[in-house]
Amino acid sequence: MPLEVLVACLFAVVSGVNDGGALLATGLKLSTIKPVVGVLTLVLLTGLVPLVSQQVALTFATRLAAFEGPNATRAMITAVLSAIAVVLVLSHHGRPTSLTLAIVGGLTGAGLGTGLQVSAGSVVLVLAVGLVAPFLGAFASWAATRLLVAVTTSEGLRRWHWAGFILQCIAYASNDGQKMLAIFLIALGSTGPSVSFAAALLFGLGTLYGMPKAGRTLSREIIVSRPLHGVAAELGSGVTVIGCSAAGMPVSMTQAIAGGLIGAGVAQGGGRVRWYAAVKIVVAWLLTLPVTGLLAGFMAFALREIG
């Protein structure tokens, strides 16, 4: 199997480790959706939704930099390995971060280091939307919390939980999850049902491995979470990310969920939010993209000089 395909497969597994648990974490306070059912639903939608829309995958693969020609594969491999390295190092030091930010930085840095044409305007636009997304998720979740308190009961919250979870899975599959498809697109030069479902299956395997740790970070560290907060965060982050998908703008689902949990907590009093944990995560976000971009750029430039 070619190296670039192996790297794409590795990236899909790491995406599951980093993202999958975070997607399920918000609803772990409710028993409505069993973890196995949640993982299967997430994997199925991650494979199906890109067959309808691949706008965000194309943004990753074509709008940030022109990944074409003999150096494209080398740049992709450098970008992916740099992104994985930065995410693993930060996670090891208790700084969970966004793999989406890492791959945006990696693709941009590797493109520059390899001499590919990089679109500064597209990079700035993606970064601007990415910075705004957690705040939009927080506001949407704040509004959802107020709505749920007014219109539902504890029993009704279970039905809202299913709606929020499905919405969140669709949002991930239409946006953040398409970074995996983009890497396969660069590696293979094409996409299709077989690629989409292969990436989804590898993502699912990573989710099963990483779910306990990722879930604990979001569901326990950011906020003293209750079922209401988890459901509101699902609804708020889902609406936010789907809106970004419609514009073809990649954003981090984990960032939107984190913002959603904070917004849900603030809706019932800011004292529920563990602000020190939120600051820790924000610092990791701020470090991720520039560090990954510099690492990928340096590695790509060095390989270009050697080869």
C-alpha atoms as a PDB file:
ATOM      1  CA  MET A   1       0.000   0.000   0.000  1.00  0.00           C
ATOM      2  CA  PRO A   2       1.430   3.428  -0.952  1.00  0.00           C
ATOM      3  CA  LEU A   3       2.757   5.547   1.895  1.00  0.00           C
ATOM      4  CA  GLU A   4       0.297   8.372   1.266  1.00  0.00           C
ATOM      5  CA  VAL A   5      -2.658   5.981   1.640  1.00  0.00           C
ATOM      6  CA  LEU A   6      -1.250   4.581   4.881  1.00  0.00           C
ATOM      7  CA  VAL A   7      -0.864   8.131   6.202  1.00  0.00           C
ATOM      8  CA  ALA A   8      -4.458   8.937   5.213  1.00  0.00           C
ATOM      9  CA  CYS A   9      -5.662   5.821   7.075  1.00  0.00           C
ATOM     10  CA  LEU A  10      -3.633   6.797  10.140  1.00  0.00           C
ATOM     11  CA  PHE A  11      -5.140  10.274  10.049  1.00  0.00           C
ATOM     12  CA  ALA A  12      -8.681   8.838  10.023  1.00  0.00           C
ATOM     13  CA  VAL A  13      -7.922   6.711  13.098  1.00  0.00           C
ATOM     14  CA  VAL A  14      -6.375   9.658  14.964  1.00  0.00           C
ATOM     15  CA  SER A  15      -9.413  11.770  14.026  1.00  0.00           C
ATOM     16  CA  GLY A  16     -11.559   9.198  15.784  1.00  0.00           C
ATOM     17  CA  VAL A  17      -9.337   9.198  18.863  1.00  0.00           C
ATOM     18  CA  ASN A  18      -9.348  12.992  19.062  1.00  0.00           C
ATOM     19  CA  ASP A  19     -12.883  13.847  17.873  1.00  0.00           C
ATOM     20  CA  GLY A  20     -15.136  10.858  18.413  1.00  0.00           C
ATOM     21  CA  GLY A  21     -15.217  10.869  22.207  1.00  0.00           C
ATOM     22  CA  ALA A  22     -15.823  14.604  22.272  1.00  0.00           C
ATOM     23  CA  LEU A  23     -18.898  14.158  20.071  1.00  0.00           C
ATOM     24  CA  LEU A  24     -20.359  11.547  22.417  1.00  0.00           C
ATOM     25  CA  ALA A  25     -19.259  13.222  25.642  1.00  0.00           C
ATOM     26  CA  THR A  26     -21.996  15.814  25.849  1.00  0.00           C
ATOM     27  CA  GLY A  27     -24.708  13.173  26.061  1.00  0.00           C
ATOM     28  CA  LEU A  28     -23.056  10.714  28.438  1.00  0.00           C
ATOM     29  CA  LYS A  29     -25.054  12.124  31.343  1.00  0.00           C
ATOM     30  CA  LEU A  30     -28.196  10.640  29.785  1.00  0.00           C
ATOM     31  CA  SER A  31     -28.818   6.937  29.247  1.00  0.00           C
ATOM     32  CA  THR A  32     -31.023   7.572  26.199  1.00  0.00           C
ATOM     33  CA  ILE A  33     -28.279   6.680  23.728  1.00  0.00           C
ATOM     34  CA  LYS A  34     -26.015   3.770  24.559  1.00  0.00           C
ATOM     35  CA  PRO A  35     -22.335   4.283  23.638  1.00  0.00           C
ATOM     36  CA  VAL A  36     -22.391   1.453  21.058  1.00  0.00           C
ATOM     37  CA  VAL A  37     -25.483   2.892  19.366  1.00  0.00           C
ATOM     38  CA  GLY A  38     -23.921   6.342  19.458  1.00  0.00           C
ATOM     39  CA  VAL A  39     -20.693   5.163  17.822  1.00  0.00           C
ATOM     40  CA  LEU A  40     -22.533   3.219  15.105  1.00  0.00           C
ATOM     41  CA  THR A  41     -24.791   6.197  14.330  1.00  0.00           C
ATOM     42  CA  LEU A  42     -21.825   8.553  14.165  1.00  0.00           C
ATOM     43  CA  VAL A  43     -19.842   6.225  11.882  1.00  0.00           C
ATOM     44  CA  LEU A  44     -22.797   5.631   9.542  1.00  0.00           C
ATOM     45  CA  LEU A  45     -23.530   9.342   9.114  1.00  0.00           C
ATOM     46  CA  THR A  46     -19.823  10.138   8.731  1.00  0.00           C
ATOM     47  CA  GLY A  47     -19.814   7.789   5.751  1.00  0.00           C
ATOM     48  CA  LEU A  48     -23.167   8.819   4.264  1.00  0.00           C
ATOM     49  CA  VAL A  49     -23.306  12.618   4.509  1.00  0.00           C
ATOM     50  CA  PRO A  50     -20.168  13.295   2.388  1.00  0.00           C
ATOM     51  CA  LEU A  51     -21.870  11.461  -0.473  1.00  0.00           C
ATOM     52  CA  VAL A  52     -24.357  14.350  -0.561  1.00  0.00           C
ATOM     53  CA  SER A  53     -21.985  17.276   0.030  1.00  0.00           C
ATOM     54  CA  GLN A  54     -18.192  17.530  -0.045  1.00  0.00           C
ATOM     55  CA  GLN A  55     -17.840  21.318   0.056  1.00  0.00           C
ATOM     56  CA  VAL A  56     -15.703  21.378   3.185  1.00  0.00           C
ATOM     57  CA  ALA A  57     -13.451  18.554   1.944  1.00  0.00           C
ATOM     58  CA  LEU A  58     -12.791  20.573  -1.202  1.00  0.00           C
ATOM     59  CA  THR A  59     -11.926  23.624   0.921  1.00  0.00           C
ATOM     60  CA  PHE A  60      -9.314  21.576   2.780  1.00  0.00           C
ATOM     61  CA  ALA A  61      -7.922  20.004  -0.389  1.00  0.00           C
ATOM     62  CA  THR A  62      -8.049  22.843  -2.912  1.00  0.00           C
ATOM     63  CA  ARG A  63      -8.812  26.269  -1.419  1.00  0.00           C
ATOM     64  CA  LEU A  64      -6.064  26.481   1.223  1.00  0.00           C
ATOM     65  CA  ALA A  65      -3.343  25.422  -1.187  1.00  0.00           C
ATOM     66  CA  ALA A  66      -3.168  23.931  -4.668  1.00  0.00           C
ATOM     67  CA  PHE A  67      -2.294  20.320  -3.858  1.00  0.00           C
ATOM     68  CA  GLU A  68      -1.458  19.328  -7.415  1.00  0.00           C
ATOM     69  CA  GLY A  69       1.670  18.140  -9.162  1.00  0.00           C
ATOM     70  CA  PRO A  70       4.605  15.986  -8.054  1.00  0.00           C
ATOM     71  CA  ASN A  71       5.066  17.711  -4.678  1.00  0.00           C
ATOM     72  CA  ALA A  72       1.439  17.459  -3.559  1.00  0.00           C
ATOM     73  CA  THR A  73       1.725  14.011  -1.998  1.00  0.00           C
ATOM     74  CA  ARG A  74       4.870  14.909  -0.090  1.00  0.00           C
ATOM     75  CA  ALA A  75       3.233  18.062   1.223  1.00  0.00           C
ATOM     76  CA  MET A  76       0.148  16.124   2.352  1.00  0.00           C
ATOM     77  CA  ILE A  77       2.211  13.527   4.213  1.00  0.00           C
ATOM     78  CA  THR A  78       4.215  16.251   5.923  1.00  0.00           C
ATOM     79  CA  ALA A  79       1.072  18.148   6.881  1.00  0.00           C
ATOM     80  CA  VAL A  80      -0.660  15.096   8.353  1.00  0.00           C
ATOM     81  CA  LEU A  81       2.335  13.856  10.332  1.00  0.00           C
ATOM     82  CA  SER A  82       2.971  17.352  11.703  1.00  0.00           C
ATOM     83  CA  ALA A  83      -0.680  17.750  12.717  1.00  0.00           C
ATOM     84  CA  ILE A  84      -0.750  14.376  14.452  1.00  0.00           C
ATOM     85  CA  ALA A  85       2.523  15.068  16.275  1.00  0.00           C
ATOM     86  CA  VAL A  86       1.374  18.440  17.640  1.00  0.00           C
ATOM     87  CA  VAL A  87      -2.024  17.094  18.750  1.00  0.00           C
ATOM     88  CA  LEU A  88      -0.456  14.084  20.486  1.00  0.00           C
ATOM     89  CA  VAL A  89       2.127  16.213  22.300  1.00  0.00           C
ATOM     90  CA  LEU A  90      -0.466  18.715  23.518  1.00  0.00           C
ATOM     91  CA  SER A  91      -2.858  15.951  24.582  1.00  0.00           C
ATOM     92  CA  HIS A  92      -0.061  14.176  26.441  1.00  0.00           C
ATOM     93  CA  HIS A  93       0.515  17.363  28.451  1.00  0.00           C
ATOM     94  CA  GLY A  94      -3.164  17.694  29.311  1.00  0.00           C
ATOM     95  CA  ARG A  95      -3.954  20.241  26.587  1.00  0.00           C
ATOM     96  CA  PRO A  96      -6.696  18.708  24.411  1.00  0.00           C
ATOM     97  CA  THR A  97      -6.905  20.555  21.128  1.00  0.00           C
ATOM     98  CA  SER A  98      -8.484  20.667  17.692  1.00  0.00           C
ATOM     99  CA  LEU A  99      -7.192  18.359  14.981  1.00  0.00           C
ATOM    100  CA  THR A 100      -8.968  20.568  12.458  1.00  0.00           C
ATOM    101  CA  LEU A 101      -6.869  23.572  13.466  1.00  0.00           C
ATOM    102  CA  ALA A 102      -3.802  21.354  13.302  1.00  0.00           C
ATOM    103  CA  ILE A 103      -4.482  20.095   9.778  1.00  0.00           C
ATOM    104  CA  VAL A 104      -5.301  23.609   8.523  1.00  0.00           C
ATOM    105  CA  GLY A 105      -1.946  24.760   9.891  1.00  0.00           C
ATOM    106  CA  GLY A 106      -0.200  21.670   8.561  1.00  0.00           C
ATOM    107  CA  LEU A 107      -1.605  21.966   5.035  1.00  0.00           C
ATOM    108  CA  THR A 108      -0.791  25.684   4.913  1.00  0.00           C
ATOM    109  CA  GLY A 109       2.741  25.279   6.263  1.00  0.00           C
ATOM    110  CA  ALA A 110       3.523  22.248   4.104  1.00  0.00           C
ATOM    111  CA  GLY A 111       2.166  24.026   1.045  1.00  0.00           C
ATOM    112  CA  LEU A 112       4.423  27.016   1.643  1.00  0.00           C
ATOM    113  CA  GLY A 113       7.447  24.872   2.467  1.00  0.00           C
ATOM    114  CA  THR A 114       6.975  22.733  -0.638  1.00  0.00           C
ATOM    115  CA  GLY A 115       6.479  25.705  -2.910  1.00  0.00           C
ATOM    116  CA  LEU A 116       2.815  25.113  -3.705  1.00  0.00           C
ATOM    117  CA  GLN A 117       0.456  28.010  -4.334  1.00  0.00           C
ATOM    118  CA  VAL A 118      -1.201  28.963  -1.030  1.00  0.00           C
ATOM    119  CA  SER A 119      -4.280  31.179  -0.913  1.00  0.00           C
ATOM    120  CA  ALA A 120      -3.706  33.696   1.879  1.00  0.00           C
ATOM    121  CA  GLY A 121      -7.275  34.967   1.577  1.00  0.00           C
ATOM    122  CA  SER A 122      -8.777  31.507   2.022  1.00  0.00           C
ATOM    123  CA  VAL A 123      -6.524  30.739   4.986  1.00  0.00           C
ATOM    124  CA  VAL A 124      -7.464  33.997   6.722  1.00  0.00           C
ATOM    125  CA  LEU A 125     -11.171  33.414   6.035  1.00  0.00           C
ATOM    126  CA  VAL A 126     -11.036  29.877   7.439  1.00  0.00           C
ATOM    127  CA  LEU A 127      -9.217  31.117  10.543  1.00  0.00           C
ATOM    128  CA  ALA A 128     -11.719  33.937  11.069  1.00  0.00           C
ATOM    129  CA  VAL A 129     -14.683  31.567  10.863  1.00  0.00           C
ATOM    130  CA  GLY A 130     -12.891  29.099  13.129  1.00  0.00           C
ATOM    131  CA  LEU A 131     -12.337  31.771  15.780  1.00  0.00           C
ATOM    132  CA  VAL A 132     -15.974  32.856  15.699  1.00  0.00           C
ATOM    133  CA  ALA A 133     -17.468  29.335  15.749  1.00  0.00           C
ATOM    134  CA  PRO A 134     -17.008  28.624  19.513  1.00  0.00           C
ATOM    135  CA  PHE A 135     -18.720  31.915  20.357  1.00  0.00           C
ATOM    136  CA  LEU A 136     -21.593  31.133  17.988  1.00  0.00           C
ATOM    137  CA  GLY A 137     -21.864  27.679  19.565  1.00  0.00           C
ATOM    138  CA  ALA A 138     -21.933  29.258  23.024  1.00  0.00           C
ATOM    139  CA  PHE A 139     -24.693  31.687  22.068  1.00  0.00           C
ATOM    140  CA  ALA A 140     -26.774  29.014  20.320  1.00  0.00           C
ATOM    141  CA  SER A 141     -26.452  26.700  23.330  1.00  0.00           C
ATOM    142  CA  TRP A 142     -27.345  29.514  25.723  1.00  0.00           C
ATOM    143  CA  ALA A 143     -30.532  30.070  23.710  1.00  0.00           C
ATOM    144  CA  ALA A 144     -31.210  26.311  23.551  1.00  0.00           C
ATOM    145  CA  THR A 145     -30.865  26.040  27.333  1.00  0.00           C
ATOM    146  CA  ARG A 146     -33.401  28.776  27.881  1.00  0.00           C
ATOM    147  CA  LEU A 147     -35.754  27.143  25.371  1.00  0.00           C
ATOM    148  CA  LEU A 148     -35.470  23.676  26.900  1.00  0.00           C
ATOM    149  CA  VAL A 149     -36.099  24.979  30.414  1.00  0.00           C
ATOM    150  CA  ALA A 150     -39.270  26.658  29.160  1.00  0.00           C
ATOM    151  CA  VAL A 151     -40.758  23.911  26.990  1.00  0.00           C
ATOM    152  CA  THR A 152     -39.664  20.468  28.179  1.00  0.00           C
ATOM    153  CA  THR A 153     -39.578  18.103  31.153  1.00  0.00           C
ATOM    154  CA  SER A 154     -37.032  15.514  32.263  1.00  0.00           C
ATOM    155  CA  GLU A 155     -38.823  12.882  30.188  1.00  0.00           C
ATOM    156  CA  GLY A 156     -39.094  15.188  27.183  1.00  0.00           C
ATOM    157  CA  LEU A 157     -35.383  15.956  27.444  1.00  0.00           C
ATOM    158  CA  ARG A 158     -34.649  12.419  26.254  1.00  0.00           C
ATOM    159  CA  ARG A 159     -36.389  13.086  22.944  1.00  0.00           C
ATOM    160  CA  TRP A 160     -34.494  16.358  22.590  1.00  0.00           C
ATOM    161  CA  HIS A 161     -31.318  14.392  23.292  1.00  0.00           C
ATOM    162  CA  TRP A 162     -31.927  12.133  20.291  1.00  0.00           C
ATOM    163  CA  ALA A 163     -32.657  15.157  18.077  1.00  0.00           C
ATOM    164  CA  GLY A 164     -29.550  16.974  19.295  1.00  0.00           C
ATOM    165  CA  PHE A 165     -27.306  13.952  18.887  1.00  0.00           C
ATOM    166  CA  ILE A 166     -28.446  13.244  15.321  1.00  0.00           C
ATOM    167  CA  LEU A 167     -28.038  16.930  14.460  1.00  0.00           C
ATOM    168  CA  GLN A 168     -24.547  16.929  15.921  1.00  0.00           C
ATOM    169  CA  CYS A 169     -23.519  13.814  13.987  1.00  0.00           C
ATOM    170  CA  ILE A 170     -24.805  15.292  10.718  1.00  0.00           C
ATOM    171  CA  ALA A 171     -22.937  18.514  11.489  1.00  0.00           C
ATOM    172  CA  TYR A 172     -19.679  16.651  12.077  1.00  0.00           C
ATOM    173  CA  ALA A 173     -20.072  14.563   8.932  1.00  0.00           C
ATOM    174  CA  SER A 174     -20.812  17.638   6.818  1.00  0.00           C
ATOM    175  CA  ASN A 175     -17.897  19.659   8.158  1.00  0.00           C
ATOM    176  CA  ASP A 176     -15.159  18.663  10.583  1.00  0.00           C
ATOM    177  CA  GLY A 177     -15.231  15.004   9.556  1.00  0.00           C
ATOM    178  CA  GLN A 178     -14.508  15.899   5.938  1.00  0.00           C
ATOM    179  CA  LYS A 179     -10.895  16.640   6.766  1.00  0.00           C
ATOM    180  CA  MET A 180     -10.410  12.863   6.532  1.00  0.00           C
ATOM    181  CA  LEU A 181     -12.021  12.810   3.093  1.00  0.00           C
ATOM    182  CA  ALA A 182      -9.790  15.694   1.998  1.00  0.00           C
ATOM    183  CA  ILE A 183      -6.637  13.795   2.949  1.00  0.00           C
ATOM    184  CA  PHE A 184      -7.821  10.755   0.984  1.00  0.00           C
ATOM    185  CA  LEU A 185      -8.673  13.083  -1.903  1.00  0.00           C
ATOM    186  CA  ILE A 186      -5.107  14.392  -1.970  1.00  0.00           C
ATOM    187  CA  ALA A 187      -3.657  10.881  -1.554  1.00  0.00           C
ATOM    188  CA  LEU A 188      -5.815   9.135  -4.166  1.00  0.00           C
ATOM    189  CA  GLY A 189      -6.891  11.999  -6.401  1.00  0.00           C
ATOM    190  CA  SER A 190     -10.548  10.982  -6.110  1.00  0.00           C
ATOM    191  CA  THR A 191     -13.306  10.199  -3.639  1.00  0.00           C
ATOM    192  CA  GLY A 192     -16.346   7.956  -3.651  1.00  0.00           C
ATOM    193  CA  PRO A 193     -18.538   5.730  -1.493  1.00  0.00           C
ATOM    194  CA  SER A 194     -15.769   3.212  -0.855  1.00  0.00           C
ATOM    195  CA  VAL A 195     -13.370   5.938   0.318  1.00  0.00           C
ATOM    196  CA  SER A 196     -16.017   7.672   2.418  1.00  0.00           C
ATOM    197  CA  PHE A 197     -17.027   4.518   4.277  1.00  0.00           C
ATOM    198  CA  ALA A 198     -13.433   3.318   4.662  1.00  0.00           C
ATOM    199  CA  ALA A 199     -12.560   6.617   6.337  1.00  0.00           C
ATOM    200  CA  ALA A 200     -15.687   6.370   8.511  1.00  0.00           C
ATOM    201  CA  LEU A 201     -14.813   2.837   9.639  1.00  0.00           C
ATOM    202  CA  LEU A 202     -11.264   3.824  10.573  1.00  0.00           C
ATOM    203  CA  PHE A 203     -12.686   6.851  12.373  1.00  0.00           C
ATOM    204  CA  GLY A 204     -14.984   4.528  14.331  1.00  0.00           C
ATOM    205  CA  LEU A 205     -12.088   2.359  15.458  1.00  0.00           C
ATOM    206  CA  GLY A 206     -10.273   5.438  16.719  1.00  0.00           C
ATOM    207  CA  THR A 207     -13.421   6.615  18.498  1.00  0.00           C
ATOM    208  CA  LEU A 208     -13.723   3.362  20.447  1.00  0.00           C
ATOM    209  CA  TYR A 209     -10.137   3.741  21.635  1.00  0.00           C
ATOM    210  CA  GLY A 210     -10.227   7.444  22.499  1.00  0.00           C
ATOM    211  CA  MET A 211     -13.778   7.857  23.806  1.00  0.00           C
ATOM    212  CA  PRO A 212     -13.129   7.481  27.571  1.00  0.00           C
ATOM    213  CA  LYS A 213     -10.426  10.159  27.790  1.00  0.00           C
ATOM    214  CA  ALA A 214     -11.904  12.660  25.317  1.00  0.00           C
ATOM    215  CA  GLY A 215     -15.350  12.279  26.835  1.00  0.00           C
ATOM    216  CA  ARG A 216     -14.057  12.895  30.342  1.00  0.00           C
ATOM    217  CA  THR A 217     -12.295  16.105  29.315  1.00  0.00           C
ATOM    218  CA  LEU A 218     -15.343  17.797  27.838  1.00  0.00           C
ATOM    219  CA  SER A 219     -18.136  16.372  29.974  1.00  0.00           C
ATOM    220  CA  ARG A 220     -16.433  16.843  33.343  1.00  0.00           C
ATOM    221  CA  GLU A 221     -13.627  19.391  33.181  1.00  0.00           C
ATOM    222  CA  ILE A 222     -15.218  22.381  31.443  1.00  0.00           C
ATOM    223  CA  ILE A 223     -18.491  22.428  33.353  1.00  0.00           C
ATOM    224  CA  VAL A 224     -20.290  20.785  36.242  1.00  0.00           C
ATOM    225  CA  SER A 225     -22.500  19.203  33.616  1.00  0.00           C
ATOM    226  CA  ARG A 226     -26.118  18.116  33.898  1.00  0.00           C
ATOM    227  CA  PRO A 227     -28.198  16.392  31.193  1.00  0.00           C
ATOM    228  CA  LEU A 228     -29.750  19.709  30.202  1.00  0.00           C
ATOM    229  CA  HIS A 229     -26.333  21.206  29.460  1.00  0.00           C
ATOM    230  CA  GLY A 230     -25.304  18.278  27.289  1.00  0.00           C
ATOM    231  CA  VAL A 231     -28.463  18.386  25.184  1.00  0.00           C
ATOM    232  CA  ALA A 232     -28.275  22.167  24.784  1.00  0.00           C
ATOM    233  CA  ALA A 233     -24.621  21.904  23.714  1.00  0.00           C
ATOM    234  CA  GLU A 234     -25.537  19.253  21.127  1.00  0.00           C
ATOM    235  CA  LEU A 235     -28.252  21.450  19.659  1.00  0.00           C
ATOM    236  CA  GLY A 236     -26.178  24.636  19.732  1.00  0.00           C
ATOM    237  CA  SER A 237     -22.996  23.155  18.279  1.00  0.00           C
ATOM    238  CA  GLY A 238     -24.952  21.209  15.643  1.00  0.00           C
ATOM    239  CA  VAL A 239     -26.753  24.289  14.341  1.00  0.00           C
ATOM    240  CA  THR A 240     -23.517  26.316  14.345  1.00  0.00           C
ATOM    241  CA  VAL A 241     -21.428  23.778  12.450  1.00  0.00           C
ATOM    242  CA  ILE A 242     -24.127  23.000   9.875  1.00  0.00           C
ATOM    243  CA  GLY A 243     -24.357  26.729   9.166  1.00  0.00           C
ATOM    244  CA  CYS A 244     -20.602  26.834   8.548  1.00  0.00           C
ATOM    245  CA  SER A 245     -20.877  23.740   6.325  1.00  0.00           C
ATOM    246  CA  ALA A 246     -23.378  25.507   4.083  1.00  0.00           C
ATOM    247  CA  ALA A 247     -20.693  28.133   3.436  1.00  0.00           C
ATOM    248  CA  GLY A 248     -18.011  25.486   2.865  1.00  0.00           C
ATOM    249  CA  MET A 249     -16.039  26.713   5.879  1.00  0.00           C
ATOM    250  CA  PRO A 250     -14.242  24.060   7.966  1.00  0.00           C
ATOM    251  CA  VAL A 251     -14.624  24.512  11.723  1.00  0.00           C
ATOM    252  CA  SER A 252     -13.772  22.351  14.705  1.00  0.00           C
ATOM    253  CA  MET A 253     -16.669  20.396  16.172  1.00  0.00           C
ATOM    254  CA  THR A 254     -14.806  20.059  19.453  1.00  0.00           C
ATOM    255  CA  GLN A 255     -14.441  23.837  19.635  1.00  0.00           C
ATOM    256  CA  ALA A 256     -18.143  24.307  18.940  1.00  0.00           C
ATOM    257  CA  ILE A 257     -19.047  21.714  21.605  1.00  0.00           C
ATOM    258  CA  ALA A 258     -16.745  23.311  24.165  1.00  0.00           C
ATOM    259  CA  GLY A 259     -18.278  26.704  23.428  1.00  0.00           C
ATOM    260  CA  GLY A 260     -21.715  25.115  23.637  1.00  0.00           C
ATOM    261  CA  LEU A 261     -21.063  23.649  27.085  1.00  0.00           C
ATOM    262  CA  ILE A 262     -19.847  27.024  28.323  1.00  0.00           C
ATOM    263  CA  GLY A 263     -22.898  28.767  26.856  1.00  0.00           C
ATOM    264  CA  ALA A 264     -25.232  26.228  28.464  1.00  0.00           C
ATOM    265  CA  GLY A 265     -23.510  26.706  31.808  1.00  0.00           C
ATOM    266  CA  VAL A 266     -23.641  30.491  31.626  1.00  0.00           C
ATOM    267  CA  ALA A 267     -27.374  30.314  30.880  1.00  0.00           C
ATOM    268  CA  GLN A 268     -27.868  28.957  34.408  1.00  0.00           C
ATOM    269  CA  GLY A 269     -25.138  30.926  36.135  1.00  0.00           C
ATOM    270  CA  GLY A 270     -21.476  31.328  35.208  1.00  0.00           C
ATOM    271  CA  GLY A 271     -20.414  29.591  38.406  1.00  0.00           C
ATOM    272  CA  ARG A 272     -21.049  26.228  36.796  1.00  0.00           C
ATOM    273  CA  VAL A 273     -18.219  26.798  34.310  1.00  0.00           C
ATOM    274  CA  ARG A 274     -14.703  25.771  35.311  1.00  0.00           C
ATOM    275  CA  TRP A 275     -13.015  28.723  33.686  1.00  0.00           C
ATOM    276  CA  TYR A 276      -9.475  27.518  34.395  1.00  0.00           C
ATOM    277  CA  ALA A 277     -10.166  24.390  32.303  1.00  0.00           C
ATOM    278  CA  ALA A 278     -11.709  26.505  29.541  1.00  0.00           C
ATOM    279  CA  VAL A 279      -8.646  28.775  29.483  1.00  0.00           C
ATOM    280  CA  LYS A 280      -6.363  25.730  29.310  1.00  0.00           C
ATOM    281  CA  ILE A 281      -8.173  24.469  26.233  1.00  0.00           C
ATOM    282  CA  VAL A 282      -8.210  27.910  24.565  1.00  0.00           C
ATOM    283  CA  VAL A 283      -4.439  28.220  25.048  1.00  0.00           C
ATOM    284  CA  ALA A 284      -4.001  24.859  23.334  1.00  0.00           C
ATOM    285  CA  TRP A 285      -6.155  26.046  20.427  1.00  0.00           C
ATOM    286  CA  LEU A 286      -4.063  29.208  20.045  1.00  0.00           C
ATOM    287  CA  LEU A 287      -0.841  27.188  19.988  1.00  0.00           C
ATOM    288  CA  THR A 288      -2.014  24.440  17.661  1.00  0.00           C
ATOM    289  CA  LEU A 289      -2.226  26.138  14.287  1.00  0.00           C
ATOM    290  CA  PRO A 290       0.957  28.247  14.322  1.00  0.00           C
ATOM    291  CA  VAL A 291       3.062  25.462  15.842  1.00  0.00           C
ATOM    292  CA  THR A 292       1.785  22.921  13.321  1.00  0.00           C
ATOM    293  CA  GLY A 293       2.230  25.364  10.458  1.00  0.00           C
ATOM    294  CA  LEU A 294       5.826  26.107  11.422  1.00  0.00           C
ATOM    295  CA  LEU A 295       6.675  22.438  11.942  1.00  0.00           C
ATOM    296  CA  ALA A 296       5.130  21.366   8.646  1.00  0.00           C
ATOM    297  CA  GLY A 297       6.702  24.274   6.789  1.00  0.00           C
ATOM    298  CA  PHE A 298      10.170  23.527   8.155  1.00  0.00           C
ATOM    299  CA  MET A 299       9.888  19.803   7.407  1.00  0.00           C
ATOM    300  CA  ALA A 300       8.554  20.398   3.900  1.00  0.00           C
ATOM    301  CA  PHE A 301      11.268  22.921   3.097  1.00  0.00           C
ATOM    302  CA  ALA A 302      13.986  20.598   4.425  1.00  0.00           C
ATOM    303  CA  LEU A 303      12.692  17.667   2.364  1.00  0.00           C
ATOM    304  CA  ARG A 304      12.462  19.892  -0.676  1.00  0.00           C
ATOM    305  CA  GLU A 305      16.101  20.942  -0.308  1.00  0.00           C
ATOM    306  CA  ILE A 306      17.254  17.368   0.251  1.00  0.00           C
ATOM    307  CA  GLY A 307      15.249  15.909  -2.623  1.00  0.00           C
END
